[in-house]
């Protein structure tokens, strides 16, 4: 199954994609814009083992789609990044998203925004998810602009309410953005 957006296609990631996706996160020319020193000493780059602990096998198979899934972002059949959703809260109809591109050359072209919009539409249509959240660092202004372009807005809730509903942020300066669909 391939999910088509305006610029990108999303292909469900498989086990063989896991190491590549990790390398994009931990060892690409854009890693330091998301995590690790010097800009993000509070958010270290995960080891392979830590990554595998977070991105369990179901993210790379169709074994438990309600628990989360990774997708390869394709442009002209070439992988340019990954986007994923985490466990779906069926009671409240929401999920958290995450995305990263493979390298600097694939940033700033609208691929990320299109991938996020495409994933949201898929999850709304196939799983009934109506609320999507994403939680970047305030220091990652380029990512925030991409999320806003995809229809996300800053949450107007006190930090205590955000933490009670969505959990603790990954960064000391986490900002929470939300997209609602109906």
Protein backbone atom coordinates (compact mmCIF):
# COMPACT_ATOMS: atom_id res chain seq x y z
CA UNK A 1 0.00 0.00 0.00
CA UNK A 2 1.39 3.38 -1.02
CA UNK A 3 -0.27 6.59 0.21
CA UNK A 4 0.02 9.50 -2.21
CA UNK A 5 0.29 13.16 -1.31
CA UNK A 6 0.78 16.15 -3.58
CA UNK A 7 4.58 15.86 -3.74
CA UNK A 8 5.40 12.69 -1.85
CA UNK A 9 4.34 9.10 -1.51
CA UNK A 10 4.39 7.25 1.80
CA UNK A 11 5.46 3.62 1.80
CA UNK A 12 5.11 1.60 4.99
CA UNK A 13 8.62 1.04 6.34
CA UNK A 14 9.88 -2.53 6.67
CA UNK A 15 12.54 -4.09 8.86
CA UNK A 16 15.27 -3.47 6.28
CA UNK A 17 14.53 0.30 6.49
CA UNK A 18 15.13 0.53 10.23
CA UNK A 19 18.91 1.04 10.13
CA UNK A 20 18.64 3.65 7.35
CA UNK A 21 15.98 5.56 9.28
CA UNK A 22 18.21 5.49 12.37
CA UNK A 23 21.21 6.77 10.40
CA UNK A 24 19.14 9.69 9.08
CA UNK A 25 18.22 10.55 12.67
CA UNK A 26 21.58 10.01 14.34
CA UNK A 27 24.27 10.57 11.71
CA UNK A 28 23.07 12.89 8.95
CA UNK A 29 23.98 16.47 8.14
CA UNK A 30 20.73 17.60 9.81
CA UNK A 31 21.07 15.63 13.05
CA UNK A 32 22.43 18.62 14.97
CA UNK A 33 19.38 20.68 13.99
CA UNK A 34 17.21 18.20 15.95
CA UNK A 35 19.33 16.76 18.75
CA UNK A 36 22.72 16.44 20.33
CA UNK A 37 25.40 18.97 21.14
CA UNK A 38 25.99 21.79 20.74
CA UNK A 39 22.43 23.09 20.18
CA UNK A 40 20.55 20.31 22.02
CA UNK A 41 22.72 19.10 24.93
CA UNK A 42 19.46 18.35 26.78
CA UNK A 43 18.42 15.89 24.04
CA UNK A 44 21.31 13.53 23.24
CA UNK A 45 21.49 11.50 20.04
CA UNK A 46 20.12 8.02 20.78
CA UNK A 47 22.26 4.93 20.46
CA UNK A 48 21.06 2.19 18.12
CA UNK A 49 19.84 0.26 21.17
CA UNK A 50 17.87 3.24 22.47
CA UNK A 51 16.35 3.79 19.04
CA UNK A 52 15.30 0.13 18.85
CA UNK A 53 13.78 0.38 22.32
CA UNK A 54 11.60 3.29 21.15
CA UNK A 55 10.89 2.03 17.62
CA UNK A 56 9.77 -1.50 18.29
CA UNK A 57 9.23 -4.09 15.50
CA UNK A 58 5.56 -3.14 14.98
CA UNK A 59 6.70 0.25 13.57
CA UNK A 60 8.18 -1.72 10.65
CA UNK A 61 5.41 -4.26 10.05
CA UNK A 62 1.64 -4.38 9.88
CA UNK A 63 1.45 -6.46 13.06
CA UNK A 64 -0.06 -3.76 15.32
CA UNK A 65 -0.97 -0.58 13.42
CA UNK A 66 -2.83 0.84 16.43
CA UNK A 67 0.50 0.94 18.33
CA UNK A 68 2.36 3.05 15.74
CA UNK A 69 3.91 2.81 12.29
CA UNK A 70 6.82 4.31 10.32
CA UNK A 71 6.57 5.33 6.68
CA UNK A 72 9.32 6.09 4.19
CA UNK A 73 8.78 9.44 2.48
CA UNK A 74 9.38 8.97 -1.25
CA UNK A 75 9.91 11.53 -3.98
CA UNK A 76 10.18 10.05 -7.47
CA UNK A 77 10.47 6.61 -5.80
CA UNK A 78 13.56 7.72 -3.83
CA UNK A 79 13.50 7.82 -0.01
CA UNK A 80 13.95 11.36 1.36
CA UNK A 81 12.85 10.90 4.98
CA UNK A 82 10.56 9.13 7.40
CA UNK A 83 7.32 10.06 9.13
CA UNK A 84 5.58 8.06 11.82
CA UNK A 85 2.68 8.03 14.19
CA UNK A 86 2.73 6.60 17.68
CA UNK A 87 0.10 4.66 19.59
CA UNK A 88 -3.44 5.73 18.73
CA UNK A 89 -5.54 6.76 21.73
CA UNK A 90 -8.86 5.40 20.45
CA UNK A 91 -10.87 6.78 23.36
CA UNK A 92 -9.76 10.37 22.66
CA UNK A 93 -9.05 9.83 18.95
CA UNK A 94 -5.53 11.28 18.90
CA UNK A 95 -1.95 10.31 18.13
CA UNK A 96 1.48 11.90 18.17
CA UNK A 97 3.57 12.26 15.02
CA UNK A 98 7.29 12.52 14.35
CA UNK A 99 9.26 13.17 11.19
CA UNK A 100 12.81 13.67 10.00
CA UNK A 101 14.34 14.04 6.60
CA UNK A 102 17.34 12.07 5.32
CA UNK A 103 19.62 15.05 4.72
CA UNK A 104 19.81 18.81 4.31
CA UNK A 105 19.30 18.56 0.54
CA UNK A 106 15.76 17.25 1.15
CA UNK A 107 14.76 20.07 3.51
CA UNK A 108 12.93 23.24 2.56
CA UNK A 109 11.16 21.73 -0.44
CA UNK A 110 7.77 21.06 1.15
CA UNK A 111 8.27 17.29 1.38
CA UNK A 112 7.90 17.21 5.16
CA UNK A 113 4.72 19.29 5.24
CA UNK A 114 3.19 17.20 2.48
CA UNK A 115 4.18 13.96 4.25
CA UNK A 116 2.57 15.10 7.49
CA UNK A 117 -0.65 16.22 5.75
CA UNK A 118 -0.78 12.94 3.84
CA UNK A 119 -0.26 10.87 7.00
CA UNK A 120 -2.94 12.84 8.88
CA UNK A 121 -5.45 12.30 6.05
CA UNK A 122 -4.69 8.57 6.02
CA UNK A 123 -5.07 8.22 9.80
CA UNK A 124 -8.30 10.24 9.77
CA UNK A 125 -9.76 8.20 6.91
CA UNK A 126 -8.63 4.71 7.96
CA UNK A 127 -8.47 4.94 11.78
CA UNK A 128 -10.82 7.81 12.63
CA UNK A 129 -8.05 9.86 14.28
CA UNK A 130 -9.20 13.48 14.58
CA UNK A 131 -6.42 15.04 16.67
CA UNK A 132 -2.73 15.04 15.85
CA UNK A 133 0.05 16.41 18.04
CA UNK A 134 3.69 17.06 17.38
CA UNK A 135 6.26 18.27 19.87
CA UNK A 136 9.43 19.93 18.57
CA UNK A 137 11.91 22.07 20.45
CA UNK A 138 11.30 25.81 20.22
CA UNK A 139 14.88 25.95 18.89
CA UNK A 140 13.86 24.03 15.76
CA UNK A 141 12.12 26.90 13.99
CA UNK A 142 12.38 25.30 10.54
CA UNK A 143 10.45 22.23 11.74
CA UNK A 144 7.83 24.43 13.41
CA UNK A 145 7.29 26.32 10.14
CA UNK A 146 6.83 23.01 8.30
CA UNK A 147 4.27 21.84 10.86
CA UNK A 148 2.37 25.11 10.61
CA UNK A 149 2.38 24.75 6.82
CA UNK A 150 0.80 21.31 7.36
CA UNK A 151 -2.03 22.89 9.38
CA UNK A 152 -0.71 22.58 12.94
CA UNK A 153 -1.26 25.36 15.46
CA UNK A 154 0.19 26.09 18.88
CA UNK A 155 -1.88 24.62 21.70
CA UNK A 156 -3.64 27.15 23.90
CA UNK A 157 -3.45 25.10 27.08
CA UNK A 158 -1.45 25.59 30.27
CA UNK A 159 1.69 23.41 30.36
CA UNK A 160 0.23 21.31 33.21
CA UNK A 161 -2.81 20.37 31.09
CA UNK A 162 -0.64 19.53 28.09
CA UNK A 163 1.56 17.28 30.22
CA UNK A 164 -1.46 15.60 31.84
CA UNK A 165 -3.01 14.76 28.46
CA UNK A 166 0.03 14.19 26.20
CA UNK A 167 2.89 13.42 28.57
CA UNK A 168 6.14 15.15 29.31
CA UNK A 169 7.99 16.82 26.44
CA UNK A 170 11.28 15.58 25.06
CA UNK A 171 12.94 19.00 25.32
CA UNK A 172 13.15 21.60 28.09
CA UNK A 173 11.64 24.05 25.59
CA UNK A 174 9.12 21.70 23.95
CA UNK A 175 6.33 23.38 22.08
CA UNK A 176 3.15 21.46 21.43
CA UNK A 177 1.34 21.86 18.14
CA UNK A 178 -2.01 20.36 17.27
CA UNK A 179 -4.00 19.68 14.13
CA UNK A 180 -7.67 18.80 14.38
CA UNK A 181 -9.73 17.20 11.63
CA UNK A 182 -13.43 16.51 11.44
